[in-house]
Amino acid sequence: MITDIPSSSDFNAAGINLLNLAWDSTVSLLIERIVNVDGIYESSPVSDKYWESAQPILASSLSLVQQSIEFFLKAKISEVSP
């Protein structure tokens, strides 16, 4: 007998958590670019080397977004039939 079948709300919560994790990772890249100069926050220039080093973080964020979409689809499917 199968027990503890995830509900639609469980899948939605997992999808939202994955989106939040992806967003946090991406925003951390933007925060790194902000420089505090005498109390004034300014964006530092972006170099090609910066984007090269940011690729793993961006790739994992994209994977998290794809996984969250899968969970949202599973939530819709489980509304109809578990």
N, C-alpha and C. Protein backbone atom coordinates (compact mmCIF):
# COMPACT_ATOMS: atom_id res chain seq x y z
N MET A 1 0.84 -1.18 0.00
CA MET A 1 0.00 0.00 0.00
C MET A 1 0.89 1.25 0.00
N ILE A 2 0.55 2.19 -0.83
CA ILE A 2 1.31 3.44 -0.91
C ILE A 2 0.75 4.42 0.12
N THR A 3 1.65 5.00 0.91
CA THR A 3 1.25 5.99 1.92
C THR A 3 2.02 7.28 1.69
N ASP A 4 1.55 8.33 2.32
CA ASP A 4 2.19 9.66 2.26
C ASP A 4 2.35 10.16 0.82
N ILE A 5 1.28 10.10 0.06
CA ILE A 5 1.29 10.62 -1.31
C ILE A 5 1.31 12.14 -1.23
N PRO A 6 2.24 12.80 -1.91
CA PRO A 6 2.28 14.27 -1.85
C PRO A 6 1.04 14.87 -2.50
N SER A 7 0.57 15.93 -1.88
CA SER A 7 -0.61 16.62 -2.40
C SER A 7 -0.19 17.75 -3.33
N SER A 8 -1.16 18.36 -3.93
CA SER A 8 -0.90 19.49 -4.83
C SER A 8 -0.19 20.62 -4.10
N SER A 9 -0.61 20.88 -2.86
CA SER A 9 0.03 21.97 -2.09
C SER A 9 1.48 21.63 -1.74
N ASP A 10 1.79 20.35 -1.56
CA ASP A 10 3.18 19.95 -1.31
C ASP A 10 4.06 20.25 -2.52
N PHE A 11 3.56 19.93 -3.70
CA PHE A 11 4.31 20.21 -4.92
C PHE A 11 4.46 21.71 -5.15
N ASN A 12 3.38 22.47 -4.87
CA ASN A 12 3.47 23.93 -5.02
C ASN A 12 4.50 24.52 -4.07
N ALA A 13 4.51 24.03 -2.82
CA ALA A 13 5.48 24.55 -1.83
C ALA A 13 6.91 24.23 -2.27
N ALA A 14 7.13 23.03 -2.79
CA ALA A 14 8.47 22.66 -3.26
C ALA A 14 8.88 23.53 -4.45
N GLY A 15 7.95 23.80 -5.36
CA GLY A 15 8.24 24.66 -6.51
C GLY A 15 8.60 26.07 -6.09
N ILE A 16 7.87 26.61 -5.14
CA ILE A 16 8.14 27.96 -4.65
C ILE A 16 9.50 28.01 -3.95
N ASN A 17 9.81 26.98 -3.17
CA ASN A 17 11.11 26.94 -2.48
C ASN A 17 12.26 26.90 -3.48
N LEU A 18 12.10 26.14 -4.56
CA LEU A 18 13.15 26.09 -5.57
C LEU A 18 13.31 27.43 -6.29
N LEU A 19 12.19 28.09 -6.59
CA LEU A 19 12.28 29.41 -7.21
C LEU A 19 12.97 30.41 -6.29
N ASN A 20 12.66 30.36 -5.00
CA ASN A 20 13.32 31.26 -4.05
C ASN A 20 14.82 31.00 -3.98
N LEU A 21 15.20 29.73 -4.00
CA LEU A 21 16.63 29.39 -3.97
C LEU A 21 17.34 29.89 -5.23
N ALA A 22 16.70 29.73 -6.39
CA ALA A 22 17.29 30.22 -7.64
C ALA A 22 17.41 31.74 -7.61
N TRP A 23 16.39 32.40 -7.11
CA TRP A 23 16.41 33.86 -7.03
C TRP A 23 17.51 34.34 -6.08
N ASP A 24 17.65 33.69 -4.94
CA ASP A 24 18.70 34.07 -3.98
C ASP A 24 20.09 33.94 -4.61
N SER A 25 20.31 32.87 -5.35
CA SER A 25 21.61 32.68 -5.99
C SER A 25 21.89 33.76 -7.03
N THR A 26 20.88 34.09 -7.80
CA THR A 26 21.05 35.10 -8.85
C THR A 26 21.24 36.49 -8.25
N VAL A 27 20.47 36.80 -7.23
CA VAL A 27 20.59 38.11 -6.59
C VAL A 27 21.95 38.27 -5.92
N SER A 28 22.51 37.17 -5.43
CA SER A 28 23.83 37.26 -4.80
C SER A 28 24.88 37.75 -5.80
N LEU A 29 24.72 37.39 -7.08
CA LEU A 29 25.64 37.89 -8.11
C LEU A 29 25.49 39.40 -8.27
N LEU A 30 24.24 39.89 -8.21
CA LEU A 30 24.02 41.33 -8.35
C LEU A 30 24.55 42.09 -7.14
N ILE A 31 24.39 41.51 -5.96
CA ILE A 31 24.86 42.17 -4.75
C ILE A 31 26.38 42.29 -4.75
N GLU A 32 27.07 41.30 -5.30
CA GLU A 32 28.53 41.35 -5.39
C GLU A 32 28.99 42.55 -6.22
N ARG A 33 28.17 42.97 -7.16
CA ARG A 33 28.55 44.08 -8.04
C ARG A 33 28.38 45.44 -7.38
N ILE A 34 27.63 45.51 -6.30
CA ILE A 34 27.36 46.79 -5.65
C ILE A 34 28.51 47.13 -4.72
N VAL A 35 29.04 48.32 -4.88
CA VAL A 35 30.19 48.78 -4.10
C VAL A 35 29.75 49.97 -3.26
N ASN A 36 30.10 49.96 -1.99
CA ASN A 36 29.79 51.06 -1.10
C ASN A 36 30.95 52.05 -1.12
N VAL A 37 30.69 53.23 -1.68
CA VAL A 37 31.70 54.28 -1.75
C VAL A 37 31.19 55.47 -0.95
N ASP A 38 31.77 55.68 0.23
CA ASP A 38 31.39 56.79 1.11
C ASP A 38 29.88 56.84 1.36
N GLY A 39 29.29 55.68 1.63
CA GLY A 39 27.86 55.62 1.92
C GLY A 39 26.97 55.63 0.70
N ILE A 40 27.56 55.73 -0.47
CA ILE A 40 26.79 55.73 -1.71
C ILE A 40 27.02 54.39 -2.41
N TYR A 41 25.94 53.72 -2.74
CA TYR A 41 26.06 52.43 -3.39
C TYR A 41 26.06 52.62 -4.90
N GLU A 42 27.06 52.07 -5.53
CA GLU A 42 27.20 52.16 -6.98
C GLU A 42 27.50 50.79 -7.54
N SER A 43 27.08 50.57 -8.77
CA SER A 43 27.40 49.32 -9.44
C SER A 43 28.82 49.36 -9.95
N SER A 44 29.54 48.29 -9.71
CA SER A 44 30.89 48.21 -10.24
C SER A 44 30.81 47.75 -11.70
N PRO A 45 31.80 48.07 -12.50
CA PRO A 45 31.78 47.64 -13.89
C PRO A 45 31.82 46.11 -13.99
N VAL A 46 31.16 45.59 -14.99
CA VAL A 46 31.09 44.14 -15.17
C VAL A 46 32.06 43.75 -16.28
N SER A 47 32.91 42.80 -15.96
CA SER A 47 33.89 42.35 -16.94
C SER A 47 33.50 40.98 -17.47
N ASP A 48 34.15 40.60 -18.56
CA ASP A 48 33.91 39.27 -19.12
C ASP A 48 34.35 38.19 -18.14
N LYS A 49 35.39 38.46 -17.39
CA LYS A 49 35.88 37.50 -16.40
C LYS A 49 34.84 37.27 -15.31
N TYR A 50 34.13 38.34 -14.93
CA TYR A 50 33.08 38.21 -13.92
C TYR A 50 31.99 37.27 -14.42
N TRP A 51 31.55 37.47 -15.66
CA TRP A 51 30.48 36.62 -16.21
C TRP A 51 30.95 35.19 -16.39
N GLU A 52 32.24 35.00 -16.72
CA GLU A 52 32.77 33.64 -16.82
C GLU A 52 32.72 32.94 -15.45
N SER A 53 33.06 33.65 -14.42
CA SER A 53 33.05 33.05 -13.08
C SER A 53 31.62 32.86 -12.56
N ALA A 54 30.67 33.62 -13.09
CA ALA A 54 29.28 33.53 -12.65
C ALA A 54 28.50 32.42 -13.37
N GLN A 55 29.06 31.83 -14.41
CA GLN A 55 28.33 30.84 -15.20
C GLN A 55 27.86 29.63 -14.39
N PRO A 56 28.66 29.06 -13.50
CA PRO A 56 28.14 27.92 -12.72
C PRO A 56 26.93 28.29 -11.86
N ILE A 57 26.95 29.46 -11.27
CA ILE A 57 25.84 29.90 -10.43
C ILE A 57 24.60 30.12 -11.29
N LEU A 58 24.77 30.76 -12.44
CA LEU A 58 23.64 30.99 -13.34
C LEU A 58 23.08 29.68 -13.88
N ALA A 59 23.95 28.73 -14.19
CA ALA A 59 23.50 27.44 -14.70
C ALA A 59 22.72 26.67 -13.64
N SER A 60 23.19 26.70 -12.41
CA SER A 60 22.45 26.00 -11.36
C SER A 60 21.13 26.70 -11.06
N SER A 61 21.10 28.02 -11.15
CA SER A 61 19.84 28.74 -10.96
C SER A 61 18.84 28.38 -12.04
N LEU A 62 19.30 28.27 -13.27
CA LEU A 62 18.41 27.88 -14.36
C LEU A 62 17.88 26.46 -14.14
N SER A 63 18.73 25.57 -13.67
CA SER A 63 18.28 24.20 -13.38
C SER A 63 17.23 24.19 -12.28
N LEU A 64 17.41 25.03 -11.27
CA LEU A 64 16.42 25.12 -10.20
C LEU A 64 15.09 25.64 -10.71
N VAL A 65 15.12 26.59 -11.62
CA VAL A 65 13.88 27.12 -12.20
C VAL A 65 13.18 26.03 -13.01
N GLN A 66 13.93 25.26 -13.77
CA GLN A 66 13.33 24.16 -14.53
C GLN A 66 12.71 23.12 -13.61
N GLN A 67 13.39 22.80 -12.52
CA GLN A 67 12.84 21.84 -11.57
C GLN A 67 11.57 22.38 -10.90
N SER A 68 11.56 23.68 -10.61
CA SER A 68 10.37 24.25 -9.98
C SER A 68 9.19 24.20 -10.94
N ILE A 69 9.42 24.41 -12.22
CA ILE A 69 8.33 24.32 -13.20
C ILE A 69 7.79 22.89 -13.24
N GLU A 70 8.69 21.91 -13.16
CA GLU A 70 8.24 20.52 -13.11
C GLU A 70 7.36 20.27 -11.88
N PHE A 71 7.73 20.82 -10.74
CA PHE A 71 6.91 20.65 -9.55
C PHE A 71 5.56 21.34 -9.69
N PHE A 72 5.53 22.50 -10.33
CA PHE A 72 4.25 23.18 -10.55
C PHE A 72 3.35 22.36 -11.48
N LEU A 73 3.95 21.74 -12.50
CA LEU A 73 3.18 20.86 -13.38
C LEU A 73 2.66 19.64 -12.61
N LYS A 74 3.49 19.07 -11.77
CA LYS A 74 3.05 17.93 -10.96
C LYS A 74 1.92 18.34 -10.02
N ALA A 75 1.98 19.57 -9.51
CA ALA A 75 0.91 20.07 -8.64
C ALA A 75 -0.41 20.13 -9.40
N LYS A 76 -0.37 20.61 -10.64
CA LYS A 76 -1.58 20.67 -11.46
C LYS A 76 -2.12 19.28 -11.76
N ILE A 77 -1.21 18.35 -12.05
CA ILE A 77 -1.63 16.98 -12.35
C ILE A 77 -2.23 16.33 -11.09
N SER A 78 -1.61 16.55 -9.95
CA SER A 78 -2.12 15.92 -8.72
C SER A 78 -3.45 16.52 -8.25
N GLU A 79 -3.80 17.70 -8.75
CA GLU A 79 -5.13 18.24 -8.44
C GLU A 79 -6.21 17.37 -9.09
N VAL A 80 -5.88 16.80 -10.26
CA VAL A 80 -6.85 15.98 -10.98
C VAL A 80 -6.82 14.55 -10.48
N SER A 81 -5.60 13.98 -10.38
CA SER A 81 -5.48 12.59 -9.95
C SER A 81 -4.15 12.38 -9.22
N PRO A 82 -4.18 11.90 -7.99
CA PRO A 82 -2.95 11.67 -7.27
C PRO A 82 -2.20 10.49 -7.86
